[in-house]
Protein backbone atom coordinates (compact mmCIF):
# COMPACT_ATOMS: atom_id res chain seq x y z
CA UNK A 1 131.88 -119.65 154.66
CA UNK A 2 135.06 -120.18 152.73
CA UNK A 3 138.40 -118.89 153.93
CA UNK A 4 138.98 -117.89 150.31
CA UNK A 5 135.90 -115.93 149.12
CA UNK A 6 137.69 -114.83 145.94
CA UNK A 7 138.29 -118.46 145.02
CA UNK A 8 134.56 -119.16 145.39
CA UNK A 9 133.76 -116.19 143.16
CA UNK A 10 136.36 -117.26 140.59
CA UNK A 11 135.10 -120.82 140.52
CA UNK A 12 131.53 -119.63 140.02
CA UNK A 13 132.56 -117.35 137.19
CA UNK A 14 134.67 -120.05 135.56
CA UNK A 15 131.78 -122.50 135.78
CA UNK A 16 129.38 -120.01 134.22
CA UNK A 17 131.76 -119.35 131.31
CA UNK A 18 132.31 -123.08 130.84
CA UNK A 19 128.57 -123.74 130.64
CA UNK A 20 128.15 -120.86 128.18
CA UNK A 21 130.94 -122.25 126.00
CA UNK A 22 129.44 -125.73 126.01
CA UNK A 23 126.01 -124.39 125.22
CA UNK A 24 127.51 -122.48 122.30
CA UNK A 25 129.31 -125.59 120.99
CA UNK A 26 132.73 -124.24 121.88
CA UNK A 27 133.60 -127.14 124.14
CA UNK A 28 135.26 -128.95 121.24
CA UNK A 29 137.47 -125.91 120.65
CA UNK A 30 138.72 -126.10 124.23
CA UNK A 31 139.36 -129.82 123.90
CA UNK A 32 141.34 -129.23 120.72
CA UNK A 33 143.40 -126.59 122.49
CA UNK A 34 144.10 -129.04 125.28
CA UNK A 35 145.08 -131.61 122.67
CA UNK A 36 147.60 -129.20 121.19
CA UNK A 37 148.92 -127.86 124.47
CA UNK A 38 148.40 -130.45 127.19
CA UNK A 39 148.62 -133.87 125.61
CA UNK A 40 145.04 -134.98 125.05
CA UNK A 41 144.89 -137.59 122.33
CA UNK A 42 142.45 -137.53 119.44
CA UNK A 43 140.50 -140.34 121.10
CA UNK A 44 140.44 -138.34 124.37
CA UNK A 45 138.99 -135.36 122.51
CA UNK A 46 136.30 -137.46 120.84
CA UNK A 47 135.29 -139.26 124.03
CA UNK A 48 135.33 -136.11 126.17
CA UNK A 49 133.29 -134.34 123.51
CA UNK A 50 130.72 -137.11 123.74
CA UNK A 51 130.76 -136.82 127.53
CA UNK A 52 130.12 -133.09 127.26
CA UNK A 53 127.27 -133.69 124.85
CA UNK A 54 125.67 -136.21 127.21
CA UNK A 55 126.01 -133.92 130.20
CA UNK A 56 124.63 -130.78 128.58
CA UNK A 57 122.06 -132.19 126.19
CA UNK A 58 118.56 -132.01 127.60
CA UNK A 59 116.86 -135.32 128.23
CA UNK A 60 119.96 -137.45 128.75
CA UNK A 61 120.12 -139.63 131.82
CA UNK A 62 122.97 -139.21 134.28
CA UNK A 63 123.80 -142.90 133.81
CA UNK A 64 124.83 -142.33 130.19
CA UNK A 65 127.26 -139.59 131.23
CA UNK A 66 128.57 -141.73 134.10
CA UNK A 67 129.09 -144.65 131.71
CA UNK A 68 130.99 -142.42 129.29
CA UNK A 69 133.16 -141.04 132.11
CA UNK A 70 133.90 -144.59 133.27
CA UNK A 71 134.79 -145.60 129.71
CA UNK A 72 137.35 -142.79 129.54
CA UNK A 73 138.77 -143.50 133.00
CA UNK A 74 139.01 -147.21 132.26
CA UNK A 75 140.81 -146.87 128.95
CA UNK A 76 144.46 -147.90 129.47
CA UNK A 77 145.78 -145.33 126.99
CA UNK A 78 143.66 -142.40 128.19
CA UNK A 79 145.74 -139.40 129.14
CA UNK A 80 145.86 -138.38 132.81
CA UNK A 81 144.20 -135.09 131.85
CA UNK A 82 141.30 -136.88 130.13
CA UNK A 83 140.81 -139.08 133.20
CA UNK A 84 140.84 -136.02 135.44
CA UNK A 85 138.30 -134.14 133.29
CA UNK A 86 136.03 -137.19 133.13
CA UNK A 87 136.27 -137.56 136.92
CA UNK A 88 135.31 -133.95 137.51
CA UNK A 89 132.31 -134.22 135.20
């Protein structure tokens, strides 16, 4: 059991909202907001959008998503935020 039960609840709720947003094609909106506010580049947005599509589209293999995440993490000009998001996914 966690020492921080509210954190567990918050993380679960945040994850549920994130999945709902992605399923409703709002993931790109969030990426664009992060581009405007947190320094994602246009290429970061495009590649993270593709990663999201691979993760949440039915029938995709995990290897495709892992390859896309590695592509982002290995790009020398990828923003630290893009690398972090790709690593979490």
